[in-house]
C-alpha cells in the first residue's frame, strides 16, 4: 500500500524539484526528449528514472476530485462573494461552505469544492485566491 506525504520542498534535496521541472518540460513539449530535459535541469537520466514515478507536484498526484480550502477573511462586504466568483470562474463546484462568526473582524471559512472540471491546478488556484481583497490567509486543508 502506497503512503503519500505532503512536504515543503525547502526541506528536501534539490534533486526532487529538478525531477519535477524535467517532467514539466516534457509535459509542455518544451524539450525534445528526456535527454534534453535532464541536461537542462542538471540531473542524470538515472536520477530522473529513479524518481519520476514517485515525485509529484501537489496537483499532479491528485487522484480524487474534492478539496477542502481554509480561509481567514476580513469581515468586509464582498470578500466571500469574490472568492465564490473566482471559484466559479475556474469551473469549480462548491459543495459546502462553513463560516464562523467574525472575531476581531476576521472570520474563519472552510469551503469544500469539487475540482474534477477545474480549469487550473490547485496550487495556482490557491495562490490566486490569496491575493483577493479581504483574504488574510488561504490554504489547502485536504485533497480527496
N, C-alpha and C. Protein backbone atom coordinates (compact mmCIF):
# COMPACT_ATOMS: atom_id res chain seq x y z
N UNK A 1 0.85 -1.19 0.00
CA UNK A 1 0.00 0.00 0.00
C UNK A 1 0.88 1.24 0.00
N UNK A 2 0.59 2.17 -0.92
CA UNK A 2 1.36 3.40 -1.01
C UNK A 2 0.91 4.38 0.06
N UNK A 3 1.87 5.14 0.57
CA UNK A 3 1.58 6.17 1.55
C UNK A 3 2.14 7.48 1.01
N UNK A 4 1.32 8.51 0.94
CA UNK A 4 1.73 9.78 0.38
C UNK A 4 1.86 10.82 1.49
N UNK A 5 2.85 11.69 1.33
CA UNK A 5 3.09 12.78 2.26
C UNK A 5 3.14 14.09 1.49
N UNK A 6 2.74 15.16 2.12
CA UNK A 6 2.91 16.49 1.55
C UNK A 6 4.02 17.14 2.36
N UNK A 7 5.11 17.49 1.68
CA UNK A 7 6.29 18.01 2.35
C UNK A 7 6.71 19.31 1.68
N UNK A 8 7.06 20.31 2.46
CA UNK A 8 7.58 21.56 1.91
C UNK A 8 8.89 21.25 1.20
N UNK A 9 8.99 21.64 -0.05
CA UNK A 9 10.17 21.29 -0.86
C UNK A 9 11.46 21.92 -0.33
N UNK A 10 11.36 22.93 0.50
CA UNK A 10 12.57 23.58 1.02
C UNK A 10 13.38 22.66 1.95
N UNK A 11 12.77 21.59 2.46
CA UNK A 11 13.49 20.68 3.35
C UNK A 11 14.01 19.44 2.62
N UNK A 12 13.77 19.37 1.33
CA UNK A 12 14.20 18.22 0.53
C UNK A 12 15.42 18.56 -0.30
N UNK A 13 16.20 17.56 -0.68
CA UNK A 13 17.31 17.81 -1.62
C UNK A 13 16.76 18.37 -2.93
N UNK A 14 17.51 19.25 -3.58
CA UNK A 14 17.02 19.92 -4.79
C UNK A 14 16.78 18.97 -5.96
N UNK A 15 17.25 17.76 -5.88
CA UNK A 15 17.06 16.81 -6.97
C UNK A 15 15.57 16.55 -7.22
N UNK A 16 14.74 16.56 -6.19
CA UNK A 16 13.32 16.30 -6.36
C UNK A 16 12.65 17.43 -7.15
N UNK A 17 13.02 18.64 -6.85
CA UNK A 17 12.50 19.80 -7.58
C UNK A 17 12.95 19.74 -9.04
N UNK A 18 14.17 19.30 -9.26
CA UNK A 18 14.69 19.19 -10.63
C UNK A 18 13.95 18.12 -11.42
N UNK A 19 13.60 17.02 -10.77
CA UNK A 19 12.81 15.98 -11.44
C UNK A 19 11.44 16.54 -11.84
N UNK A 20 10.81 17.30 -10.94
CA UNK A 20 9.53 17.92 -11.27
C UNK A 20 9.66 18.89 -12.44
N UNK A 21 10.73 19.66 -12.45
CA UNK A 21 10.96 20.61 -13.54
C UNK A 21 11.16 19.86 -14.86
N UNK A 22 11.92 18.79 -14.83
CA UNK A 22 12.14 17.98 -16.04
C UNK A 22 10.81 17.39 -16.54
N UNK A 23 9.99 16.90 -15.62
CA UNK A 23 8.69 16.34 -16.01
C UNK A 23 7.81 17.42 -16.64
N UNK A 24 7.87 18.63 -16.10
CA UNK A 24 7.08 19.73 -16.66
C UNK A 24 7.59 20.12 -18.05
N UNK A 25 8.89 20.13 -18.24
CA UNK A 25 9.46 20.41 -19.57
C UNK A 25 8.97 19.39 -20.59
N UNK A 26 8.93 18.14 -20.18
CA UNK A 26 8.45 17.08 -21.07
C UNK A 26 6.95 17.20 -21.33
N UNK A 27 6.20 17.49 -20.28
CA UNK A 27 4.74 17.61 -20.41
C UNK A 27 4.34 18.73 -21.35
N UNK A 28 5.07 19.84 -21.32
CA UNK A 28 4.73 21.01 -22.13
C UNK A 28 5.43 21.02 -23.49
N UNK A 29 6.13 19.93 -23.80
CA UNK A 29 6.88 19.82 -25.06
C UNK A 29 7.89 20.95 -25.24
N UNK A 30 8.47 21.41 -24.14
CA UNK A 30 9.49 22.45 -24.19
C UNK A 30 10.85 21.88 -24.58
N UNK A 31 10.97 20.57 -24.51
CA UNK A 31 12.21 19.88 -24.89
C UNK A 31 11.84 18.71 -25.80
N UNK A 32 12.85 18.20 -26.52
CA UNK A 32 12.59 17.12 -27.47
C UNK A 32 12.48 15.75 -26.81
N UNK A 33 13.12 15.58 -25.66
CA UNK A 33 13.08 14.28 -25.01
C UNK A 33 13.70 14.34 -23.63
N UNK A 34 13.79 13.18 -23.01
CA UNK A 34 14.30 13.08 -21.64
C UNK A 34 15.75 13.56 -21.55
N UNK A 35 16.56 13.19 -22.54
CA UNK A 35 17.98 13.60 -22.50
C UNK A 35 18.11 15.12 -22.43
N UNK A 36 17.34 15.81 -23.23
CA UNK A 36 17.40 17.28 -23.23
C UNK A 36 16.85 17.84 -21.92
N UNK A 37 15.79 17.25 -21.41
CA UNK A 37 15.18 17.73 -20.16
C UNK A 37 16.14 17.60 -18.99
N UNK A 38 16.77 16.45 -18.84
CA UNK A 38 17.67 16.23 -17.70
C UNK A 38 18.92 17.10 -17.82
N UNK A 39 19.36 17.32 -19.05
CA UNK A 39 20.52 18.19 -19.27
C UNK A 39 20.18 19.63 -18.86
N UNK A 40 18.98 20.07 -19.20
CA UNK A 40 18.54 21.43 -18.86
C UNK A 40 18.46 21.66 -17.36
N UNK A 41 18.05 20.65 -16.60
CA UNK A 41 17.89 20.82 -15.14
C UNK A 41 19.09 20.29 -14.36
N UNK A 42 20.08 19.78 -15.08
CA UNK A 42 21.34 19.34 -14.49
C UNK A 42 21.18 18.15 -13.52
N UNK A 43 20.53 17.09 -14.03
CA UNK A 43 20.48 15.81 -13.30
C UNK A 43 20.78 14.70 -14.31
N UNK A 44 21.11 13.54 -13.81
CA UNK A 44 21.39 12.41 -14.70
C UNK A 44 20.08 11.74 -15.12
N UNK A 45 20.15 11.01 -16.23
CA UNK A 45 18.97 10.25 -16.68
C UNK A 45 18.57 9.22 -15.63
N UNK A 46 19.57 8.60 -15.00
CA UNK A 46 19.25 7.57 -13.99
C UNK A 46 18.54 8.19 -12.80
N UNK A 47 18.91 9.39 -12.40
CA UNK A 47 18.21 10.07 -11.31
C UNK A 47 16.78 10.35 -11.70
N UNK A 48 16.59 10.83 -12.93
CA UNK A 48 15.24 11.11 -13.42
C UNK A 48 14.39 9.84 -13.38
N UNK A 49 14.91 8.75 -13.93
CA UNK A 49 14.15 7.50 -13.96
C UNK A 49 13.91 6.92 -12.57
N UNK A 50 14.85 7.15 -11.67
CA UNK A 50 14.71 6.64 -10.30
C UNK A 50 13.52 7.29 -9.58
N UNK A 51 13.31 8.59 -9.80
CA UNK A 51 12.31 9.32 -9.03
C UNK A 51 11.06 9.74 -9.81
N UNK A 52 11.06 9.64 -11.12
CA UNK A 52 9.96 10.21 -11.92
C UNK A 52 8.57 9.67 -11.55
N UNK A 53 8.49 8.43 -11.12
CA UNK A 53 7.20 7.84 -10.77
C UNK A 53 6.84 8.02 -9.29
N UNK A 54 7.70 8.71 -8.55
CA UNK A 54 7.49 8.85 -7.10
C UNK A 54 7.43 10.30 -6.64
N UNK A 55 7.75 11.24 -7.52
CA UNK A 55 7.75 12.65 -7.15
C UNK A 55 6.70 13.35 -7.99
N UNK A 56 5.76 14.02 -7.31
CA UNK A 56 4.67 14.71 -8.00
C UNK A 56 4.49 16.08 -7.39
N UNK A 57 4.06 17.03 -8.22
CA UNK A 57 3.59 18.29 -7.70
C UNK A 57 2.26 18.02 -7.01
N UNK A 58 1.83 18.91 -6.16
CA UNK A 58 0.62 18.68 -5.38
C UNK A 58 -0.58 18.33 -6.26
N UNK A 59 -0.82 19.10 -7.31
CA UNK A 59 -1.99 18.82 -8.13
C UNK A 59 -1.77 17.66 -9.10
N UNK A 60 -0.52 17.38 -9.47
CA UNK A 60 -0.21 16.30 -10.40
C UNK A 60 -0.53 14.94 -9.81
N UNK A 61 -0.30 14.76 -8.53
CA UNK A 61 -0.54 13.49 -7.89
C UNK A 61 -1.97 13.32 -7.41
N UNK A 62 -2.80 14.26 -7.74
CA UNK A 62 -4.17 14.28 -7.26
C UNK A 62 -4.98 13.14 -7.88
N UNK A 63 -5.56 12.32 -7.04
CA UNK A 63 -6.34 11.20 -7.54
C UNK A 63 -7.83 11.47 -7.40
N UNK A 64 -8.21 12.24 -6.48
CA UNK A 64 -9.61 12.48 -6.22
C UNK A 64 -10.13 13.70 -6.93
N UNK A 65 -11.30 14.12 -6.49
CA UNK A 65 -11.87 15.28 -7.14
C UNK A 65 -12.49 16.27 -6.15
N UNK A 66 -12.13 16.16 -4.89
CA UNK A 66 -12.63 17.10 -3.88
C UNK A 66 -11.46 17.70 -3.13
N UNK A 67 -11.63 18.94 -2.70
CA UNK A 67 -10.61 19.61 -1.91
C UNK A 67 -11.31 20.45 -0.85
N UNK A 68 -10.63 20.62 0.27
CA UNK A 68 -11.13 21.50 1.33
C UNK A 68 -10.14 22.65 1.45
N UNK A 69 -10.66 23.86 1.28
CA UNK A 69 -9.86 25.06 1.39
C UNK A 69 -10.21 25.78 2.68
N UNK A 70 -9.22 26.36 3.32
CA UNK A 70 -9.43 27.11 4.56
C UNK A 70 -9.00 28.56 4.33
N UNK A 71 -9.79 29.47 4.86
CA UNK A 71 -9.53 30.90 4.70
C UNK A 71 -9.65 31.63 6.02
N UNK A 72 -8.89 32.68 6.16
CA UNK A 72 -9.13 33.72 7.15
C UNK A 72 -9.50 34.95 6.34
N UNK A 73 -10.70 35.47 6.58
CA UNK A 73 -11.21 36.58 5.79
C UNK A 73 -11.54 37.78 6.65
N UNK A 74 -11.25 38.97 6.12
CA UNK A 74 -11.66 40.19 6.78
C UNK A 74 -13.18 40.28 6.71
N UNK A 75 -13.77 40.80 7.75
CA UNK A 75 -15.23 40.96 7.80
C UNK A 75 -15.61 42.21 7.00
N UNK A 76 -15.55 42.06 5.68
CA UNK A 76 -15.86 43.17 4.78
C UNK A 76 -16.85 42.68 3.72
N UNK A 77 -17.71 43.55 3.29
CA UNK A 77 -18.71 43.22 2.29
C UNK A 77 -18.03 42.78 0.99
N UNK A 78 -18.46 41.65 0.45
CA UNK A 78 -18.00 41.19 -0.85
C UNK A 78 -16.79 40.26 -0.83
N UNK A 79 -16.18 40.06 0.35
CA UNK A 79 -14.98 39.21 0.40
C UNK A 79 -15.31 37.77 0.02
N UNK A 80 -16.28 37.19 0.69
CA UNK A 80 -16.66 35.81 0.38
C UNK A 80 -17.21 35.71 -1.04
N UNK A 81 -17.96 36.71 -1.45
CA UNK A 81 -18.52 36.73 -2.80
C UNK A 81 -17.43 36.71 -3.86
N UNK A 82 -16.33 37.43 -3.64
CA UNK A 82 -15.25 37.44 -4.64
C UNK A 82 -14.57 36.08 -4.71
N UNK A 83 -14.46 35.39 -3.58
CA UNK A 83 -13.88 34.04 -3.58
C UNK A 83 -14.78 33.09 -4.37
N UNK A 84 -16.08 33.15 -4.09
CA UNK A 84 -17.03 32.27 -4.78
C UNK A 84 -17.04 32.55 -6.29
N UNK A 85 -16.95 33.81 -6.66
CA UNK A 85 -16.92 34.17 -8.08
C UNK A 85 -15.65 33.63 -8.73
N UNK A 86 -14.52 33.75 -8.05
CA UNK A 86 -13.25 33.24 -8.59
C UNK A 86 -13.32 31.72 -8.76
N UNK A 87 -13.86 31.02 -7.78
CA UNK A 87 -14.01 29.57 -7.88
C UNK A 87 -14.90 29.20 -9.07
N UNK A 88 -16.00 29.90 -9.20
CA UNK A 88 -16.93 29.64 -10.30
C UNK A 88 -16.27 29.90 -11.65
N UNK A 89 -15.49 30.96 -11.74
CA UNK A 89 -14.79 31.28 -13.00
C UNK A 89 -13.78 30.21 -13.39
N UNK A 90 -13.33 29.42 -12.42
CA UNK A 90 -12.38 28.33 -12.70
C UNK A 90 -13.07 26.98 -12.81
N UNK A 91 -14.39 27.01 -12.99
CA UNK A 91 -15.19 25.79 -13.18
C UNK A 91 -15.14 24.86 -11.98
N UNK A 92 -15.10 25.45 -10.80
CA UNK A 92 -15.09 24.69 -9.55
C UNK A 92 -16.52 24.65 -9.01
N UNK A 93 -16.95 23.49 -8.57
CA UNK A 93 -18.28 23.35 -7.98
C UNK A 93 -18.15 23.40 -6.46
N UNK A 94 -18.92 24.27 -5.82
CA UNK A 94 -18.86 24.42 -4.37
C UNK A 94 -19.83 23.44 -3.74
N UNK A 95 -19.30 22.60 -2.83
CA UNK A 95 -20.12 21.58 -2.18
C UNK A 95 -20.62 22.05 -0.82
N UNK A 96 -19.73 22.62 -0.01
CA UNK A 96 -20.13 23.13 1.31
C UNK A 96 -19.36 24.40 1.63
N UNK A 97 -19.98 25.25 2.45
CA UNK A 97 -19.32 26.44 2.99
C UNK A 97 -19.62 26.48 4.48
N UNK A 98 -18.57 26.56 5.28
CA UNK A 98 -18.73 26.69 6.73
C UNK A 98 -18.02 27.97 7.15
N UNK A 99 -18.75 28.84 7.86
CA UNK A 99 -18.18 30.11 8.27
C UNK A 99 -18.44 30.32 9.75
N UNK A 100 -17.39 30.68 10.48
CA UNK A 100 -17.52 31.04 11.89
C UNK A 100 -17.87 32.52 11.99
N UNK A 101 -18.39 32.90 13.13
CA UNK A 101 -18.64 34.31 13.38
C UNK A 101 -17.31 35.06 13.42
N UNK A 102 -17.28 36.26 12.85
CA UNK A 102 -16.02 37.02 12.88
C UNK A 102 -15.63 37.40 14.31
N UNK A 103 -14.36 37.24 14.61
CA UNK A 103 -13.79 37.68 15.88
C UNK A 103 -12.67 38.65 15.53
N UNK A 104 -12.72 39.82 16.12
CA UNK A 104 -11.77 40.89 15.79
C UNK A 104 -11.75 41.17 14.29
N UNK A 105 -12.95 41.15 13.68
CA UNK A 105 -13.15 41.46 12.26
C UNK A 105 -12.47 40.48 11.30
N UNK A 106 -12.20 39.23 11.79
CA UNK A 106 -11.64 38.17 10.94
C UNK A 106 -12.52 36.92 11.12
N UNK A 107 -12.93 36.33 9.99
CA UNK A 107 -13.77 35.13 10.02
C UNK A 107 -13.01 33.94 9.46
N UNK A 108 -13.20 32.80 10.08
CA UNK A 108 -12.64 31.55 9.59
C UNK A 108 -13.69 30.90 8.69
N UNK A 109 -13.29 30.57 7.46
CA UNK A 109 -14.21 29.98 6.49
C UNK A 109 -13.54 28.75 5.88
N UNK A 110 -14.30 27.66 5.78
CA UNK A 110 -13.79 26.50 5.03
C UNK A 110 -14.80 26.19 3.92
N UNK A 111 -14.25 25.88 2.76
CA UNK A 111 -15.08 25.60 1.59
C UNK A 111 -14.63 24.26 1.01
N UNK A 112 -15.58 23.36 0.84
CA UNK A 112 -15.30 22.09 0.18
C UNK A 112 -15.73 22.24 -1.26
N UNK A 113 -14.82 21.89 -2.17
CA UNK A 113 -15.09 22.09 -3.59
C UNK A 113 -14.86 20.79 -4.37
N UNK A 114 -15.55 20.70 -5.49
CA UNK A 114 -15.35 19.59 -6.42
C UNK A 114 -14.49 20.14 -7.54
N UNK A 115 -13.35 19.49 -7.82
CA UNK A 115 -12.36 20.05 -8.72
C UNK A 115 -12.13 19.24 -9.99
N UNK A 116 -13.00 18.29 -10.28
CA UNK A 116 -12.77 17.42 -11.44
C UNK A 116 -12.80 18.18 -12.76
N UNK A 117 -13.50 19.30 -12.82
CA UNK A 117 -13.59 20.07 -14.07
C UNK A 117 -12.86 21.41 -13.95
N UNK A 118 -12.04 21.53 -12.92
CA UNK A 118 -11.32 22.78 -12.68
C UNK A 118 -10.40 23.09 -13.86
N UNK A 119 -10.31 24.37 -14.20
CA UNK A 119 -9.55 24.79 -15.37
C UNK A 119 -8.11 25.19 -15.05
N UNK A 120 -7.67 25.02 -13.83
CA UNK A 120 -6.30 25.34 -13.44
C UNK A 120 -5.84 24.27 -12.45
N UNK A 121 -4.60 24.33 -12.01
CA UNK A 121 -4.16 23.38 -10.99
C UNK A 121 -4.44 23.98 -9.61
N UNK A 122 -4.48 23.14 -8.60
CA UNK A 122 -4.88 23.55 -7.26
C UNK A 122 -3.90 24.57 -6.67
N UNK A 123 -2.61 24.43 -6.97
CA UNK A 123 -1.62 25.38 -6.45
C UNK A 123 -1.89 26.79 -6.97
N UNK A 124 -2.13 26.90 -8.26
CA UNK A 124 -2.41 28.20 -8.88
C UNK A 124 -3.70 28.79 -8.34
N UNK A 125 -4.71 27.95 -8.19
CA UNK A 125 -5.99 28.41 -7.65
C UNK A 125 -5.80 29.04 -6.27
N UNK A 126 -5.08 28.36 -5.39
CA UNK A 126 -4.87 28.86 -4.04
C UNK A 126 -4.06 30.15 -4.05
N UNK A 127 -3.02 30.21 -4.88
CA UNK A 127 -2.22 31.44 -4.97
C UNK A 127 -3.07 32.61 -5.47
N UNK A 128 -3.95 32.37 -6.42
CA UNK A 128 -4.82 33.43 -6.94
C UNK A 128 -5.85 33.87 -5.90
N UNK A 129 -6.30 32.96 -5.07
CA UNK A 129 -7.25 33.31 -4.02
C UNK A 129 -6.59 34.16 -2.93
N UNK A 130 -5.31 33.90 -2.66
CA UNK A 130 -4.59 34.62 -1.60
C UNK A 130 -4.53 36.12 -1.85
N UNK A 131 -4.54 36.52 -3.12
CA UNK A 131 -4.37 37.94 -3.44
C UNK A 131 -5.68 38.71 -3.56
N UNK A 132 -6.80 38.04 -3.39
CA UNK A 132 -8.08 38.73 -3.45
C UNK A 132 -8.24 39.66 -2.25
N UNK A 133 -8.93 40.78 -2.47
CA UNK A 133 -9.19 41.73 -1.38
C UNK A 133 -9.91 41.06 -0.23
N UNK A 134 -9.42 41.29 0.97
CA UNK A 134 -10.05 40.76 2.17
C UNK A 134 -9.58 39.39 2.60
N UNK A 135 -8.78 38.72 1.77
CA UNK A 135 -8.27 37.40 2.13
C UNK A 135 -6.98 37.58 2.92
N UNK A 136 -7.02 37.15 4.18
CA UNK A 136 -5.85 37.24 5.04
C UNK A 136 -4.97 36.01 4.85
N UNK A 137 -5.63 34.85 4.71
CA UNK A 137 -4.90 33.58 4.56
C UNK A 137 -5.75 32.62 3.73
N UNK A 138 -5.09 31.83 2.90
CA UNK A 138 -5.76 30.83 2.09
C UNK A 138 -4.86 29.61 2.01
N UNK A 139 -5.42 28.42 2.31
CA UNK A 139 -4.59 27.22 2.24
C UNK A 139 -5.44 25.99 1.95
N UNK A 140 -4.76 24.99 1.42
CA UNK A 140 -5.38 23.70 1.14
C UNK A 140 -5.32 22.86 2.41
N UNK A 141 -6.47 22.39 2.88
CA UNK A 141 -6.51 21.54 4.07
C UNK A 141 -6.46 20.07 3.72
N UNK A 142 -7.19 19.69 2.67
CA UNK A 142 -7.26 18.27 2.33
C UNK A 142 -7.60 18.11 0.86
N UNK A 143 -7.18 16.98 0.32
CA UNK A 143 -7.46 16.61 -1.05
C UNK A 143 -7.95 15.18 -1.04
N UNK A 144 -9.06 14.91 -1.68
CA UNK A 144 -9.60 13.54 -1.71
C UNK A 144 -9.66 13.06 -3.13
